[in-house]
């Protein structure tokens, strides 16, 4: 999972995740098949797993957007502070 996570974009690359699974001898299809062999509970477990990966991606994107917005607000506050000091120095 570490190799599939892209910290620059704050997302999980599903293709890389799938490739890493295959390199360890697993596939998403095999995991689904194995869990399905447990019946309805296995299907529910797989669906929750898939849903949590997608939800994590969405939450990471939302967190990144929030942090980016906070950074923009802070930079604007600094710029306004500098501009205010410059203008006050003229009076």
C-alpha atoms as a PDB file:
ATOM      1  CA  UNK A   1       0.000   0.000   0.000  1.00  0.00           C
ATOM      2  CA  UNK A   2       2.922   2.365   0.687  1.00  0.00           C
ATOM      3  CA  UNK A   3       4.076   2.181  -2.919  1.00  0.00           C
ATOM      4  CA  UNK A   4       0.543   2.829  -4.180  1.00  0.00           C
ATOM      5  CA  UNK A   5       0.086   5.989  -2.092  1.00  0.00           C
ATOM      6  CA  UNK A   6       1.114   9.207  -3.818  1.00  0.00           C
ATOM      7  CA  UNK A   7       1.782  11.853  -1.142  1.00  0.00           C
ATOM      8  CA  UNK A   8       2.095  14.619  -3.739  1.00  0.00           C
ATOM      9  CA  UNK A   9      -1.491  14.039  -4.843  1.00  0.00           C
ATOM     10  CA  UNK A  10      -2.701  12.490  -1.571  1.00  0.00           C
ATOM     11  CA  UNK A  11      -4.276   9.601  -3.435  1.00  0.00           C
ATOM     12  CA  UNK A  12      -3.948   5.861  -3.709  1.00  0.00           C
ATOM     13  CA  UNK A  13      -3.062   4.694  -7.196  1.00  0.00           C
ATOM     14  CA  UNK A  14      -5.314   1.690  -7.701  1.00  0.00           C
ATOM     15  CA  UNK A  15      -3.255   0.403 -10.668  1.00  0.00           C
ATOM     16  CA  UNK A  16      -0.072   0.436  -8.574  1.00  0.00           C
ATOM     17  CA  UNK A  17      -1.923  -1.161  -5.660  1.00  0.00           C
ATOM     18  CA  UNK A  18      -3.142  -3.917  -7.973  1.00  0.00           C
ATOM     19  CA  UNK A  19       0.385  -4.380  -9.367  1.00  0.00           C
ATOM     20  CA  UNK A  20       1.833  -4.674  -5.847  1.00  0.00           C
ATOM     21  CA  UNK A  21      -0.813  -7.239  -4.962  1.00  0.00           C
ATOM     22  CA  UNK A  22       0.117  -9.267  -8.037  1.00  0.00           C
ATOM     23  CA  UNK A  23       3.818  -9.129  -7.172  1.00  0.00           C
ATOM     24  CA  UNK A  24       2.949 -10.698  -3.818  1.00  0.00           C
ATOM     25  CA  UNK A  25       0.944 -13.439  -5.543  1.00  0.00           C
ATOM     26  CA  UNK A  26      -2.479 -11.922  -4.995  1.00  0.00           C
ATOM     27  CA  UNK A  27      -5.063 -10.222  -7.171  1.00  0.00           C
ATOM     28  CA  UNK A  28      -8.109  -8.207  -6.308  1.00  0.00           C
ATOM     29  CA  UNK A  29     -10.166 -10.888  -8.019  1.00  0.00           C
ATOM     30  CA  UNK A  30      -8.572 -13.627  -5.872  1.00  0.00           C
ATOM     31  CA  UNK A  31      -9.222 -11.660  -2.696  1.00  0.00           C
ATOM     32  CA  UNK A  32     -12.820 -11.184  -3.770  1.00  0.00           C
ATOM     33  CA  UNK A  33     -13.164 -14.870  -4.639  1.00  0.00           C
ATOM     34  CA  UNK A  34     -11.614 -15.970  -1.347  1.00  0.00           C
ATOM     35  CA  UNK A  35     -13.850 -13.680   0.663  1.00  0.00           C
ATOM     36  CA  UNK A  36     -16.907 -14.727  -1.356  1.00  0.00           C
ATOM     37  CA  UNK A  37     -16.265 -18.330  -0.389  1.00  0.00           C
ATOM     38  CA  UNK A  38     -17.328 -17.313   3.122  1.00  0.00           C
ATOM     39  CA  UNK A  39     -20.773 -16.416   1.804  1.00  0.00           C
ATOM     40  CA  UNK A  40     -22.647 -13.211   2.333  1.00  0.00           C
ATOM     41  CA  UNK A  41     -20.332 -12.118   5.146  1.00  0.00           C
ATOM     42  CA  UNK A  42     -17.339 -12.427   2.807  1.00  0.00           C
ATOM     43  CA  UNK A  43     -19.097 -10.397   0.113  1.00  0.00           C
ATOM     44  CA  UNK A  44     -19.917  -7.727   2.663  1.00  0.00           C
ATOM     45  CA  UNK A  45     -16.298  -7.706   3.869  1.00  0.00           C
ATOM     46  CA  UNK A  46     -14.958  -7.267   0.335  1.00  0.00           C
ATOM     47  CA  UNK A  47     -17.443  -4.494  -0.436  1.00  0.00           C
ATOM     48  CA  UNK A  48     -16.439  -2.711   2.767  1.00  0.00           C
ATOM     49  CA  UNK A  49     -12.769  -3.074   1.870  1.00  0.00           C
ATOM     50  CA  UNK A  50     -13.306  -1.648  -1.615  1.00  0.00           C
ATOM     51  CA  UNK A  51     -15.493   1.121  -0.234  1.00  0.00           C
ATOM     52  CA  UNK A  52     -12.932   2.067   2.404  1.00  0.00           C
ATOM     53  CA  UNK A  53     -10.172   2.390  -0.219  1.00  0.00           C
ATOM     54  CA  UNK A  54     -12.348   4.694  -2.309  1.00  0.00           C
ATOM     55  CA  UNK A  55     -13.518   6.651   0.747  1.00  0.00           C
ATOM     56  CA  UNK A  56      -9.920   7.079   1.899  1.00  0.00           C
ATOM     57  CA  UNK A  57      -9.024   8.524  -1.503  1.00  0.00           C
ATOM     58  CA  UNK A  58     -11.893  10.987  -1.273  1.00  0.00           C
ATOM     59  CA  UNK A  59     -11.044  11.982   2.302  1.00  0.00           C
ATOM     60  CA  UNK A  60      -7.402  12.517   1.403  1.00  0.00           C
ATOM     61  CA  UNK A  61      -8.390  14.762  -1.494  1.00  0.00           C
ATOM     62  CA  UNK A  62     -10.727  16.746   0.761  1.00  0.00           C
ATOM     63  CA  UNK A  63      -7.988  17.108   3.386  1.00  0.00           C
ATOM     64  CA  UNK A  64      -5.557  18.313   0.740  1.00  0.00           C
ATOM     65  CA  UNK A  65      -8.089  20.887  -0.484  1.00  0.00           C
ATOM     66  CA  UNK A  66      -8.672  22.120   3.070  1.00  0.00           C
ATOM     67  CA  UNK A  67      -4.943  22.427   3.785  1.00  0.00           C
ATOM     68  CA  UNK A  68      -4.417  24.195   0.453  1.00  0.00           C
ATOM     69  CA  UNK A  69      -7.215  26.644   1.285  1.00  0.00           C
ATOM     70  CA  UNK A  70      -5.744  27.308   4.713  1.00  0.00           C
ATOM     71  CA  UNK A  71      -2.362  27.978   3.116  1.00  0.00           C
ATOM     72  CA  UNK A  72      -3.932  30.430   0.682  1.00  0.00           C
ATOM     73  CA  UNK A  73      -5.730  32.252   3.497  1.00  0.00           C
ATOM     74  CA  UNK A  74      -2.500  32.497   5.507  1.00  0.00           C
ATOM     75  CA  UNK A  75      -0.536  33.817   2.534  1.00  0.00           C
ATOM     76  CA  UNK A  76      -3.237  36.387   1.790  1.00  0.00           C
ATOM     77  CA  UNK A  77      -3.179  37.512   5.428  1.00  0.00           C
ATOM     78  CA  UNK A  78       0.599  37.965   5.275  1.00  0.00           C
ATOM     79  CA  UNK A  79       0.338  39.898   1.990  1.00  0.00           C
ATOM     80  CA  UNK A  80      -2.365  42.169   3.401  1.00  0.00           C
ATOM     81  CA  UNK A  81      -0.274  42.720   6.528  1.00  0.00           C
ATOM     82  CA  UNK A  82       2.733  43.758   4.449  1.00  0.00           C
ATOM     83  CA  UNK A  83       0.603  45.982   2.212  1.00  0.00           C
ATOM     84  CA  UNK A  84      -0.977  47.574   5.282  1.00  0.00           C
ATOM     85  CA  UNK A  85       2.432  48.337   6.811  1.00  0.00           C
ATOM     86  CA  UNK A  86       3.632  49.881   3.573  1.00  0.00           C
ATOM     87  CA  UNK A  87       0.543  52.051   3.298  1.00  0.00           C
ATOM     88  CA  UNK A  88       0.781  53.075   6.983  1.00  0.00           C
ATOM     89  CA  UNK A  89       4.420  54.057   6.516  1.00  0.00           C
ATOM     90  CA  UNK A  90       3.331  56.700   3.972  1.00  0.00           C
ATOM     91  CA  UNK A  91       1.099  58.460   6.492  1.00  0.00           C
END
